[in-house]
Protein backbone atom coordinates (compact mmCIF):
# COMPACT_ATOMS: atom_id res chain seq x y z
CA MET A 1 63.14 -74.60 -53.17
CA VAL A 2 63.59 -70.89 -52.55
CA LEU A 3 61.62 -69.97 -55.66
CA VAL A 4 58.91 -72.58 -55.04
CA THR A 5 58.29 -71.37 -51.49
CA ALA A 6 58.24 -67.77 -52.73
CA GLY A 7 55.63 -68.78 -55.29
CA LEU A 8 53.52 -70.56 -52.67
CA ALA A 9 53.70 -67.54 -50.36
CA PHE A 10 52.64 -65.29 -53.23
CA ILE A 11 49.62 -67.50 -53.90
CA VAL A 12 48.58 -67.40 -50.23
CA VAL A 13 48.91 -63.62 -50.15
CA ALA A 14 47.25 -63.03 -53.53
CA LEU A 15 44.18 -65.24 -53.09
CA SER A 16 41.70 -63.73 -50.65
CA VAL A 17 40.31 -67.12 -49.64
CA LEU A 18 43.78 -68.10 -48.37
CA TRP A 19 44.89 -64.64 -47.28
CA ARG A 20 41.96 -64.16 -44.89
CA PRO A 21 42.91 -66.91 -42.39
CA ALA A 22 46.65 -66.58 -42.99
CA ARG A 23 46.54 -62.87 -42.24
CA ASN A 24 46.11 -63.69 -38.55
CA VAL A 25 49.84 -64.44 -38.54
CA ILE A 26 50.55 -60.98 -39.97
CA THR A 27 48.31 -59.46 -37.29
CA ILE A 28 50.22 -61.27 -34.54
CA VAL A 29 53.53 -59.87 -35.82
CA HIS A 30 51.97 -56.43 -36.43
CA GLU A 31 50.77 -56.15 -32.84
CA ALA A 32 54.02 -57.61 -31.52
CA GLY A 33 55.82 -54.81 -33.36
CA HIS A 34 53.69 -52.21 -31.61
CA ALA A 35 54.26 -53.91 -28.25
CA ILE A 36 58.04 -54.26 -28.55
CA VAL A 37 58.56 -50.66 -29.65
CA ALA A 38 56.18 -49.39 -26.97
CA VAL A 39 58.28 -51.09 -24.29
CA LEU A 40 61.54 -49.87 -25.85
CA ALA A 41 60.11 -46.33 -25.94
CA GLY A 42 59.42 -46.45 -22.21
CA ARG A 43 55.67 -47.01 -22.37
CA ARG A 44 53.94 -49.54 -20.13
CA LEU A 45 52.43 -52.38 -22.12
CA THR A 46 49.00 -53.42 -20.83
CA GLY A 47 47.96 -56.01 -23.39
CA ILE A 48 47.28 -57.16 -26.94
CA ARG A 49 43.91 -58.11 -28.42
CA LEU A 50 43.56 -60.11 -31.64
CA HIS A 51 40.16 -60.22 -33.35
CA SER A 52 38.51 -62.73 -35.66
CA ASP A 53 38.29 -60.13 -38.46
CA THR A 54 42.13 -60.15 -38.46
CA SER A 55 42.33 -56.73 -36.81
CA GLY A 56 44.19 -56.20 -33.57
CA LEU A 57 44.86 -53.70 -30.81
CA THR A 58 47.90 -53.09 -28.63
CA LEU A 59 47.32 -51.12 -25.45
CA SER A 60 50.05 -49.24 -23.63
CA LYS A 61 50.16 -46.46 -21.07
CA GLY A 62 52.19 -43.30 -21.35
CA LYS A 63 51.99 -39.85 -22.89
CA PRO A 64 49.43 -39.80 -25.73
CA TYR A 65 51.86 -37.79 -27.85
CA GLY A 66 55.59 -37.41 -28.49
CA PRO A 67 58.28 -39.56 -30.12
CA GLY A 68 57.46 -42.68 -28.11
CA MET A 69 53.86 -42.68 -29.27
CA VAL A 70 54.88 -41.96 -32.88
CA LEU A 71 57.41 -44.81 -32.93
CA THR A 72 54.88 -47.18 -31.37
CA GLY A 73 52.26 -46.32 -33.97
CA PHE A 74 54.78 -46.56 -36.79
CA ALA A 75 56.06 -50.02 -35.90
CA GLY A 76 53.01 -52.16 -36.71
CA TYR A 77 52.81 -52.10 -40.49
CA ILE A 78 56.53 -52.52 -41.01
CA ALA A 79 57.00 -55.26 -38.40
CA PRO A 80 56.15 -58.27 -40.65
CA SER A 81 58.52 -57.14 -43.41
CA VAL A 82 61.32 -56.21 -41.01
CA LEU A 83 60.98 -59.59 -39.28
CA GLY A 84 60.89 -61.28 -42.69
CA LEU A 85 64.11 -59.48 -43.60
CA GLY A 86 65.71 -60.68 -40.38
CA PHE A 87 64.60 -64.21 -41.17
CA ALA A 88 66.04 -63.89 -44.68
CA ALA A 89 69.39 -62.98 -43.12
CA LEU A 90 69.22 -66.11 -40.97
CA LEU A 91 68.34 -68.29 -43.94
CA ALA A 92 71.14 -66.79 -46.00
CA GLY A 93 73.46 -68.06 -43.26
CA GLY A 94 71.79 -71.48 -43.17
CA ARG A 95 70.33 -70.90 -39.70
CA VAL A 96 66.96 -72.59 -39.98
CA THR A 97 66.90 -73.71 -36.33
CA GLU A 98 67.54 -70.18 -35.08
CA LEU A 99 64.66 -68.91 -37.25
CA LEU A 100 62.24 -71.44 -35.78
CA VAL A 101 63.41 -70.58 -32.26
CA ALA A 102 62.86 -66.88 -32.96
CA CYS A 103 59.30 -67.67 -34.09
CA ALA A 104 58.69 -69.59 -30.87
CA VAL A 105 60.04 -66.79 -28.69
CA LEU A 106 57.84 -64.25 -30.47
CA LEU A 107 54.71 -66.37 -30.04
CA VAL A 108 55.40 -67.04 -26.37
CA GLY A 109 55.93 -63.34 -25.78
CA VAL A 110 52.62 -62.46 -27.46
CA LEU A 111 50.79 -65.23 -25.61
CA LEU A 112 51.92 -63.77 -22.28
CA VAL A 113 50.32 -60.40 -23.01
CA VAL A 114 47.29 -61.29 -25.17
CA ARG A 115 44.05 -60.40 -23.39
CA ASN A 116 41.16 -62.02 -25.26
CA VAL A 117 39.98 -65.56 -26.02
CA PHE A 118 40.31 -65.38 -29.81
CA GLY A 119 43.79 -63.92 -29.43
CA ILE A 120 44.87 -66.82 -27.23
CA PHE A 121 43.32 -69.29 -29.68
CA SER A 122 45.04 -67.66 -32.68
CA VAL A 123 48.47 -67.69 -31.04
CA LEU A 124 48.08 -71.28 -29.83
CA VAL A 125 47.04 -72.53 -33.28
CA THR A 126 50.00 -70.77 -34.88
CA GLY A 127 52.30 -72.09 -32.18
CA GLY A 128 50.92 -75.59 -32.63
CA VAL A 129 51.82 -75.62 -36.32
CA LEU A 130 55.29 -74.33 -35.48
CA LEU A 131 55.73 -76.97 -32.76
CA VAL A 132 54.76 -79.85 -35.05
CA VAL A 133 57.19 -78.73 -37.75
CA SER A 134 60.02 -77.93 -35.32
CA ARG A 135 59.67 -81.06 -33.20
CA TRP A 136 58.72 -83.83 -35.58
CA ALA A 137 59.34 -82.73 -39.18
CA PRO A 138 62.63 -83.71 -40.85
CA VAL A 139 65.14 -81.08 -41.91
CA GLU A 140 63.94 -81.52 -45.49
CA VAL A 141 60.59 -80.08 -44.37
CA GLN A 142 61.85 -77.53 -41.86
CA ALA A 143 63.95 -75.62 -44.37
CA PRO A 144 61.11 -75.08 -46.90
CA PHE A 145 58.77 -74.22 -44.03
CA ALA A 146 61.21 -71.57 -42.78
CA HIS A 147 61.48 -70.11 -46.28
CA LEU A 148 57.70 -70.11 -46.65
CA ILE A 149 57.32 -68.18 -43.38
CA THR A 150 59.93 -65.67 -44.51
CA TRP A 151 58.37 -65.03 -47.92
CA PHE A 152 54.90 -64.86 -46.39
CA LEU A 153 55.99 -62.17 -43.92
CA LEU A 154 57.68 -60.14 -46.65
CA LEU A 155 54.80 -60.35 -49.13
CA GLY A 156 52.09 -60.21 -46.49
CA GLY A 157 53.56 -57.02 -45.08
CA ILE A 158 53.16 -55.40 -48.48
CA ARG A 159 49.60 -56.63 -48.99
CA SER A 160 48.54 -55.45 -45.53
CA VAL A 161 49.61 -51.91 -46.45
CA GLY A 162 47.62 -52.15 -49.67
CA ASP A 163 44.58 -53.34 -47.70
CA LEU A 164 45.03 -50.42 -45.33
CA GLN A 165 44.93 -47.87 -48.12
CA ARG A 166 41.89 -49.52 -49.73
CA LEU A 167 40.01 -49.26 -46.44
CA ARG A 168 41.14 -45.66 -45.99
CA SER A 169 39.97 -44.74 -49.49
CA ARG A 170 36.51 -46.04 -48.59
CA GLY A 171 36.44 -44.14 -45.29
CA ARG A 172 36.49 -47.37 -43.27
CA ALA A 173 39.78 -46.89 -41.40
CA ARG A 174 39.56 -43.46 -39.81
CA ASP A 175 41.46 -44.65 -36.74
CA SER A 176 44.14 -46.62 -38.57
CA ASP A 177 47.82 -46.40 -37.62
CA ALA A 178 48.42 -44.05 -40.55
CA ASP A 179 45.63 -41.71 -39.47
CA GLN A 180 46.74 -41.77 -35.85
CA LEU A 181 50.24 -40.85 -37.01
CA ALA A 182 48.73 -38.05 -39.10
CA ARG A 183 47.08 -36.61 -36.01
CA LEU A 184 50.27 -36.98 -33.97
CA THR A 185 52.64 -35.44 -36.53
CA GLY A 186 50.58 -33.31 -38.93
CA ALA A 187 51.86 -35.31 -41.92
CA PRO A 188 48.93 -36.71 -43.95
CA GLY A 189 47.89 -40.33 -43.58
CA LEU A 190 48.81 -41.09 -47.19
CA PHE A 191 52.37 -40.03 -46.43
CA TRP A 192 52.61 -42.65 -43.70
CA VAL A 193 51.05 -45.32 -45.91
CA SER A 194 53.68 -44.49 -48.56
CA VAL A 195 56.48 -44.77 -45.99
CA PHE A 196 55.16 -48.15 -44.81
CA LEU A 197 55.06 -49.37 -48.41
CA MET A 198 58.54 -48.12 -49.30
CA ILE A 199 60.10 -49.78 -46.25
CA ASN A 200 58.31 -53.05 -46.90
CA LEU A 201 59.28 -53.05 -50.58
CA GLY A 202 62.86 -52.30 -49.57
CA CYS A 203 62.84 -55.28 -47.20
CA LEU A 204 61.58 -57.53 -50.02
CA VAL A 205 64.25 -56.31 -52.44
CA LEU A 206 67.02 -56.92 -49.92
CA ALA A 207 65.66 -60.37 -49.07
CA VAL A 208 65.52 -61.33 -52.75
CA GLY A 209 69.13 -60.24 -53.07
CA TRP A 210 70.14 -62.44 -50.15
CA LEU A 211 68.08 -65.53 -50.98
CA VAL A 212 67.74 -65.60 -54.76
CA VAL A 213 70.45 -63.61 -56.53
């Protein structure tokens, strides 16, 4: 079951026709990562916007420079993989229910701060799928579903970084998280993309060790 769900997640991430709609889930987690770290860094969260092109924006108030801003900008692209790693730890302990509850808490938190119609729609659709599986599906379905979510977050986090660099190489992402971090720190954008990728790959390796080996 673990390997089958990993294979299914890989197919969703690898095929653009499936990745495009599924990436909205990655965007939700990405923006939630920005939001959570912004609050922890002492910034005032003002809202999240999710767009139909699978992009997103998290708005917070505070100094436009300094460690808090750097940490907030850094959190987005690693959030799906870090969350996926946390979910892998729960699954390794057989805690499927706790994983589904964590998903619900995350979605409710995002819903409370999302500030546009598509964003509300996207979160509600995702939450609806989670509710159906959590409330009415048997355990035999819930466990594979939880594994599928986990693998999708881990693999989707890696693909999103690859997509970021492809857009940057074409000059279509001049205000990306990596480029904002470059302006804040002086380190080049490619350095930050590489850091995102290394962390996300590390999360995948650890998760494989916990769930497969």
